[in-house]
Amino acid sequence: ALEDKKGVNIKVIDISSISILADYFII
């Protein structure tokens, strides 16, 4: 969805092994 609207420099970070907040951050 972000790519479809031409999001700039989209990053996906797997944080599942370092945090209980979430599995993934998308920036």
PDB file of all heavy atoms in Angstrom:
ATOM      1  N   ALA A   1       0.832  -1.206   0.000  1.00  0.00           N
ATOM      2  CA  ALA A   1       0.000   0.000   0.000  1.00  0.00           C
ATOM      3  C   ALA A   1       0.867   1.257   0.000  1.00  0.00           C
ATOM      4  O   ALA A   1       0.562   2.235  -0.687  1.00  0.00           O
ATOM      5  CB  ALA A   1      -0.931  -0.005   1.211  1.00  0.00           C
ATOM      6  N   LEU A   2       1.959   1.230   0.752  1.00  0.00           N
ATOM      7  CA  LEU A   2       2.880   2.368   0.781  1.00  0.00           C
ATOM      8  C   LEU A   2       3.593   2.522  -0.561  1.00  0.00           C
ATOM      9  O   LEU A   2       3.749   3.628  -1.075  1.00  0.00           O
ATOM     10  CB  LEU A   2       3.904   2.205   1.904  1.00  0.00           C
ATOM     11  CG  LEU A   2       3.338   2.296   3.323  1.00  0.00           C
ATOM     12  CD1 LEU A   2       4.344   1.768   4.334  1.00  0.00           C
ATOM     13  CD2 LEU A   2       2.922   3.724   3.652  1.00  0.00           C
ATOM     14  N   GLU A   3       4.008   1.416  -1.113  1.00  0.00           N
ATOM     15  CA  GLU A   3       4.688   1.435  -2.403  1.00  0.00           C
ATOM     16  C   GLU A   3       3.748   1.926  -3.509  1.00  0.00           C
ATOM     17  O   GLU A   3       4.151   2.667  -4.405  1.00  0.00           O
ATOM     18  CB  GLU A   3       5.210   0.029  -2.715  1.00  0.00           C
ATOM     19  CG  GLU A   3       6.393   0.020  -3.623  1.00  0.00           C
ATOM     20  CD  GLU A   3       7.045  -1.358  -3.697  1.00  0.00           C
ATOM     21  OE1 GLU A   3       6.338  -2.357  -3.962  1.00  0.00           O
ATOM     22  OE2 GLU A   3       8.267  -1.424  -3.506  1.00  0.00           O
ATOM     23  N   ASP A   4       2.500   1.523  -3.433  1.00  0.00           N
ATOM     24  CA  ASP A   4       1.495   1.913  -4.419  1.00  0.00           C
ATOM     25  C   ASP A   4       1.317   3.433  -4.489  1.00  0.00           C
ATOM     26  O   ASP A   4       1.075   3.984  -5.558  1.00  0.00           O
ATOM     27  CB  ASP A   4       0.158   1.246  -4.064  1.00  0.00           C
ATOM     28  CG  ASP A   4      -0.931   1.536  -5.060  1.00  0.00           C
ATOM     29  OD1 ASP A   4      -0.683   1.409  -6.278  1.00  0.00           O
ATOM     30  OD2 ASP A   4      -2.051   1.886  -4.625  1.00  0.00           O
ATOM     31  N   LYS A   5       1.467   4.109  -3.351  1.00  0.00           N
ATOM     32  CA  LYS A   5       1.321   5.570  -3.301  1.00  0.00           C
ATOM     33  C   LYS A   5       2.670   6.284  -3.316  1.00  0.00           C
ATOM     34  O   LYS A   5       2.793   7.426  -2.923  1.00  0.00           O
ATOM     35  CB  LYS A   5       0.523   5.992  -2.057  1.00  0.00           C
ATOM     36  CG  LYS A   5      -0.921   5.571  -2.098  1.00  0.00           C
ATOM     37  CD  LYS A   5      -1.671   6.298  -3.185  1.00  0.00           C
ATOM     38  CE  LYS A   5      -3.130   5.891  -3.196  1.00  0.00           C
ATOM     39  NZ  LYS A   5      -3.865   6.487  -4.292  1.00  0.00           N
ATOM     40  N   LYS A   6       3.691   5.570  -3.778  1.00  0.00           N
ATOM     41  CA  LYS A   6       5.037   6.144  -3.972  1.00  0.00           C
ATOM     42  C   LYS A   6       5.678   6.617  -2.671  1.00  0.00           C
ATOM     43  O   LYS A   6       6.298   7.672  -2.616  1.00  0.00           O
ATOM     44  CB  LYS A   6       5.003   7.304  -4.976  1.00  0.00           C
ATOM     45  CG  LYS A   6       4.308   6.993  -6.286  1.00  0.00           C
ATOM     46  CD  LYS A   6       5.113   6.051  -7.123  1.00  0.00           C
ATOM     47  CE  LYS A   6       4.500   5.915  -8.512  1.00  0.00           C
ATOM     48  NZ  LYS A   6       4.080   4.600  -8.861  1.00  0.00           N
ATOM     49  N   GLY A   7       5.531   5.818  -1.618  1.00  0.00           N
ATOM     50  CA  GLY A   7       6.230   6.115  -0.367  1.00  0.00           C
ATOM     51  C   GLY A   7       7.729   6.170  -0.605  1.00  0.00           C
ATOM     52  O   GLY A   7       8.270   5.434  -1.421  1.00  0.00           O
ATOM     53  N   VAL A   8       8.395   7.048   0.122  1.00  0.00           N
ATOM     54  CA  VAL A   8       9.823   7.283  -0.057  1.00  0.00           C
ATOM     55  C   VAL A   8      10.624   6.424   0.913  1.00  0.00           C
ATOM     56  O   VAL A   8      10.349   6.404   2.112  1.00  0.00           O
ATOM     57  CB  VAL A   8      10.151   8.784   0.166  1.00  0.00           C
ATOM     58  CG1 VAL A   8      11.642   9.035   0.058  1.00  0.00           C
ATOM     59  CG2 VAL A   8       9.375   9.652  -0.814  1.00  0.00           C
ATOM     60  N   ASN A   9      11.614   5.701   0.390  1.00  0.00           N
ATOM     61  CA  ASN A   9      12.573   4.959   1.204  1.00  0.00           C
ATOM     62  C   ASN A   9      11.878   4.094   2.264  1.00  0.00           C
ATOM     63  O   ASN A   9      12.114   4.240   3.458  1.00  0.00           O
ATOM     64  CB  ASN A   9      13.560   5.946   1.845  1.00  0.00           C
ATOM     65  CG  ASN A   9      14.797   5.266   2.374  1.00  0.00           C
ATOM     66  OD1 ASN A   9      15.098   4.126   2.043  1.00  0.00           O
ATOM     67  ND2 ASN A   9      15.518   5.971   3.225  1.00  0.00           N
ATOM     68  N   ILE A  10      11.042   3.179   1.829  1.00  0.00           N
ATOM     69  CA  ILE A  10      10.281   2.317   2.743  1.00  0.00           C
ATOM     70  C   ILE A  10      11.206   1.260   3.325  1.00  0.00           C
ATOM     71  O   ILE A  10      11.890   0.549   2.598  1.00  0.00           O
ATOM     72  CB  ILE A  10       9.111   1.637   2.005  1.00  0.00           C
ATOM     73  CG1 ILE A  10       8.232   2.675   1.321  1.00  0.00           C
ATOM     74  CG2 ILE A  10       8.296   0.787   2.975  1.00  0.00           C
ATOM     75  CD1 ILE A  10       7.259   2.090   0.314  1.00  0.00           C
ATOM     76  N   LYS A  11      11.222   1.178   4.636  1.00  0.00           N
ATOM     77  CA  LYS A  11      12.057   0.193   5.343  1.00  0.00           C
ATOM     78  C   LYS A  11      11.179  -0.686   6.214  1.00  0.00           C
ATOM     79  O   LYS A  11      10.239  -0.208   6.849  1.00  0.00           O
ATOM     80  CB  LYS A  11      13.075   0.884   6.254  1.00  0.00           C
ATOM     81  CG  LYS A  11      13.987   1.862   5.575  1.00  0.00           C
ATOM     82  CD  LYS A  11      15.096   1.164   4.869  1.00  0.00           C
ATOM     83  CE  LYS A  11      16.045   2.211   4.316  1.00  0.00           C
ATOM     84  NZ  LYS A  11      17.058   1.697   3.499  1.00  0.00           N
ATOM     85  N   VAL A  12      11.511  -1.969   6.259  1.00  0.00           N
ATOM     86  CA  VAL A  12      10.844  -2.907   7.160  1.00  0.00           C
ATOM     87  C   VAL A  12      11.909  -3.434   8.112  1.00  0.00           C
ATOM     88  O   VAL A  12      12.953  -3.938   7.671  1.00  0.00           O
ATOM     89  CB  VAL A  12      10.184  -4.070   6.391  1.00  0.00           C
ATOM     90  CG1 VAL A  12       9.564  -5.065   7.363  1.00  0.00           C
ATOM     91  CG2 VAL A  12       9.148  -3.549   5.408  1.00  0.00           C
ATOM     92  N   ILE A  13      11.650  -3.312   9.404  1.00  0.00           N
ATOM     93  CA  ILE A  13      12.598  -3.770  10.418  1.00  0.00           C
ATOM     94  C   ILE A  13      11.910  -4.828  11.280  1.00  0.00           C
ATOM     95  O   ILE A  13      10.851  -4.576  11.863  1.00  0.00           O
ATOM     96  CB  ILE A  13      13.081  -2.605  11.312  1.00  0.00           C
ATOM     97  CG1 ILE A  13      13.711  -1.502  10.460  1.00  0.00           C
ATOM     98  CG2 ILE A  13      14.069  -3.111  12.357  1.00  0.00           C
ATOM     99  CD1 ILE A  13      14.042  -0.228  11.242  1.00  0.00           C
ATOM    100  N   ASP A  14      12.507  -6.004  11.343  1.00  0.00           N
ATOM    101  CA  ASP A  14      12.027  -7.075  12.215  1.00  0.00           C
ATOM    102  C   ASP A  14      12.579  -6.809  13.610  1.00  0.00           C
ATOM    103  O   ASP A  14      13.787  -6.881  13.832  1.00  0.00           O
ATOM    104  CB  ASP A  14      12.506  -8.427  11.682  1.00  0.00           C
ATOM    105  CG  ASP A  14      12.031  -9.603  12.515  1.00  0.00           C
ATOM    106  OD1 ASP A  14      11.599  -9.414  13.670  1.00  0.00           O
ATOM    107  OD2 ASP A  14      12.106 -10.737  12.001  1.00  0.00           O
ATOM    108  N   ILE A  15      11.677  -6.472  14.524  1.00  0.00           N
ATOM    109  CA  ILE A  15      12.117  -6.176  15.896  1.00  0.00           C
ATOM    110  C   ILE A  15      11.671  -7.263  16.880  1.00  0.00           C
ATOM    111  O   ILE A  15      11.786  -7.095  18.091  1.00  0.00           O
ATOM    112  CB  ILE A  15      11.615  -4.788  16.364  1.00  0.00           C
ATOM    113  CG1 ILE A  15      10.096  -4.720  16.388  1.00  0.00           C
ATOM    114  CG2 ILE A  15      12.202  -3.683  15.509  1.00  0.00           C
ATOM    115  CD1 ILE A  15       9.539  -3.521  17.134  1.00  0.00           C
ATOM    116  N   SER A  16      11.168  -8.370  16.355  1.00  0.00           N
ATOM    117  CA  SER A  16      10.593  -9.416  17.208  1.00  0.00           C
ATOM    118  C   SER A  16      11.594 -10.004  18.197  1.00  0.00           C
ATOM    119  O   SER A  16      11.203 -10.423  19.294  1.00  0.00           O
ATOM    120  CB  SER A  16       9.988 -10.525  16.360  1.00  0.00           C
ATOM    121  OG  SER A  16      10.971 -11.144  15.556  1.00  0.00           O
ATOM    122  N   SER A  17      12.867 -10.017  17.849  1.00  0.00           N
ATOM    123  CA  SER A  17      13.856 -10.619  18.746  1.00  0.00           C
ATOM    124  C   SER A  17      14.424  -9.621  19.758  1.00  0.00           C
ATOM    125  O   SER A  17      15.136 -10.026  20.677  1.00  0.00           O
ATOM    126  CB  SER A  17      14.997 -11.231  17.933  1.00  0.00           C
ATOM    127  OG  SER A  17      15.676 -10.214  17.227  1.00  0.00           O
ATOM    128  N   ILE A  18      14.087  -8.334  19.613  1.00  0.00           N
ATOM    129  CA  ILE A  18      14.654  -7.341  20.529  1.00  0.00           C
ATOM    130  C   ILE A  18      13.606  -6.544  21.300  1.00  0.00           C
ATOM    131  O   ILE A  18      13.955  -5.749  22.164  1.00  0.00           O
ATOM    132  CB  ILE A  18      15.589  -6.351  19.788  1.00  0.00           C
ATOM    133  CG1 ILE A  18      14.830  -5.586  18.711  1.00  0.00           C
ATOM    134  CG2 ILE A  18      16.796  -7.077  19.222  1.00  0.00           C
ATOM    135  CD1 ILE A  18      15.609  -4.426  18.132  1.00  0.00           C
ATOM    136  N   SER A  19      12.321  -6.758  20.995  1.00  0.00           N
ATOM    137  CA  SER A  19      11.287  -5.977  21.654  1.00  0.00           C
ATOM    138  C   SER A  19       9.980  -6.754  21.718  1.00  0.00           C
ATOM    139  O   SER A  19       9.681  -7.556  20.839  1.00  0.00           O
ATOM    140  CB  SER A  19      11.049  -4.665  20.887  1.00  0.00           C
ATOM    141  OG  SER A  19       9.999  -3.937  21.477  1.00  0.00           O
ATOM    142  N   ILE A  20       9.207  -6.453  22.742  1.00  0.00           N
ATOM    143  CA  ILE A  20       7.876  -7.044  22.842  1.00  0.00           C
ATOM    144  C   ILE A  20       6.806  -6.104  22.280  1.00  0.00           C
ATOM    145  O   ILE A  20       5.635  -6.439  22.256  1.00  0.00           O
ATOM    146  CB  ILE A  20       7.534  -7.421  24.304  1.00  0.00           C
ATOM    147  CG1 ILE A  20       7.563  -6.186  25.201  1.00  0.00           C
ATOM    148  CG2 ILE A  20       8.459  -8.498  24.812  1.00  0.00           C
ATOM    149  CD1 ILE A  20       7.004  -6.420  26.580  1.00  0.00           C
ATOM    150  N   LEU A  21       7.221  -4.934  21.803  1.00  0.00           N
ATOM    151  CA  LEU A  21       6.271  -3.960  21.260  1.00  0.00           C
ATOM    152  C   LEU A  21       5.538  -4.492  20.040  1.00  0.00           C
ATOM    153  O   LEU A  21       4.336  -4.280  19.884  1.00  0.00           O
ATOM    154  CB  LEU A  21       6.985  -2.667  20.860  1.00  0.00           C
ATOM    155  CG  LEU A  21       7.495  -1.774  21.954  1.00  0.00           C
ATOM    156  CD1 LEU A  21       8.254  -0.594  21.355  1.00  0.00           C
ATOM    157  CD2 LEU A  21       6.348  -1.286  22.809  1.00  0.00           C
ATOM    158  N   ALA A  22       6.270  -5.127  19.146  1.00  0.00           N
ATOM    159  CA  ALA A  22       5.705  -5.575  17.873  1.00  0.00           C
ATOM    160  C   ALA A  22       6.674  -6.545  17.220  1.00  0.00           C
ATOM    161  O   ALA A  22       7.794  -6.725  17.690  1.00  0.00           O
ATOM    162  CB  ALA A  22       5.466  -4.375  16.961  1.00  0.00           C
ATOM    163  N   ASP A  23       6.243  -7.119  16.112  1.00  0.00           N
ATOM    164  CA  ASP A  23       7.131  -7.962  15.312  1.00  0.00           C
ATOM    165  C   ASP A  23       7.869  -7.137  14.265  1.00  0.00           C
ATOM    166  O   ASP A  23       9.042  -7.368  13.993  1.00  0.00           O
ATOM    167  CB  ASP A  23       6.343  -9.062  14.600  1.00  0.00           C
ATOM    168  CG  ASP A  23       5.775 -10.093  15.562  1.00  0.00           C
ATOM    169  OD1 ASP A  23       6.310 -10.234  16.684  1.00  0.00           O
ATOM    170  OD2 ASP A  23       4.792 -10.762  15.187  1.00  0.00           O
ATOM    171  N   TYR A  24       7.147  -6.168  13.672  1.00  0.00           N
ATOM    172  CA  TYR A  24       7.731  -5.378  12.592  1.00  0.00           C
ATOM    173  C   TYR A  24       7.432  -3.891  12.760  1.00  0.00           C
ATOM    174  O   TYR A  24       6.336  -3.523  13.190  1.00  0.00           O
ATOM    175  CB  TYR A  24       7.177  -5.813  11.220  1.00  0.00           C
ATOM    176  CG  TYR A  24       7.513  -7.228  10.867  1.00  0.00           C
ATOM    177  CD1 TYR A  24       6.602  -8.255  11.081  1.00  0.00           C
ATOM    178  CD2 TYR A  24       8.754  -7.550  10.327  1.00  0.00           C
ATOM    179  CE1 TYR A  24       6.912  -9.566  10.764  1.00  0.00           C
ATOM    180  CE2 TYR A  24       9.066  -8.858  10.001  1.00  0.00           C
ATOM    181  CZ  TYR A  24       8.149  -9.858  10.229  1.00  0.00           C
ATOM    182  OH  TYR A  24       8.459 -11.160   9.916  1.00  0.00           O
ATOM    183  N   PHE A  25       8.412  -3.085  12.402  1.00  0.00           N
ATOM    184  CA  PHE A  25       8.243  -1.654  12.188  1.00  0.00           C
ATOM    185  C   PHE A  25       8.348  -1.432  10.690  1.00  0.00           C
ATOM    186  O   PHE A  25       9.245  -1.978  10.049  1.00  0.00           O
ATOM    187  CB  PHE A  25       9.365  -0.841  12.840  1.00  0.00           C
ATOM    188  CG  PHE A  25       9.133  -0.424  14.254  1.00  0.00           C
ATOM    189  CD1 PHE A  25       8.030  -0.806  14.990  1.00  0.00           C
ATOM    190  CD2 PHE A  25      10.063   0.391  14.871  1.00  0.00           C
ATOM    191  CE1 PHE A  25       7.850  -0.406  16.293  1.00  0.00           C
ATOM    192  CE2 PHE A  25       9.894   0.808  16.180  1.00  0.00           C
ATOM    193  CZ  PHE A  25       8.789   0.403  16.892  1.00  0.00           C
ATOM    194  N   ILE A  26       7.445  -0.637  10.160  1.00  0.00           N
ATOM    195  CA  ILE A  26       7.575  -0.174   8.782  1.00  0.00           C
ATOM    196  C   ILE A  26       7.772   1.329   8.870  1.00  0.00           C
ATOM    197  O   ILE A  26       7.010   2.025   9.549  1.00  0.00           O
ATOM    198  CB  ILE A  26       6.331  -0.496   7.936  1.00  0.00           C
ATOM    199  CG1 ILE A  26       6.046  -1.993   7.945  1.00  0.00           C
ATOM    200  CG2 ILE A  26       6.520   0.020   6.511  1.00  0.00           C
ATOM    201  CD1 ILE A  26       4.748  -2.371   7.253  1.00  0.00           C
ATOM    202  N   ILE A  27       8.791   1.823   8.206  1.00  0.00           N
ATOM    203  CA  ILE A  27       9.090   3.256   8.205  1.00  0.00           C
ATOM    204  C   ILE A  27       9.076   3.734   6.761  1.00  0.00           C
ATOM    205  O   ILE A  27       9.731   3.145   5.902  1.00  0.00           O
ATOM    206  CB  ILE A  27      10.457   3.539   8.853  1.00  0.00           C
ATOM    207  CG1 ILE A  27      10.506   2.955  10.270  1.00  0.00           C
ATOM    208  CG2 ILE A  27      10.745   5.045   8.871  1.00  0.00           C
ATOM    209  CD1 ILE A  27      11.888   2.929  10.897  1.00  0.00           C
TER     210      ILE A  27
END
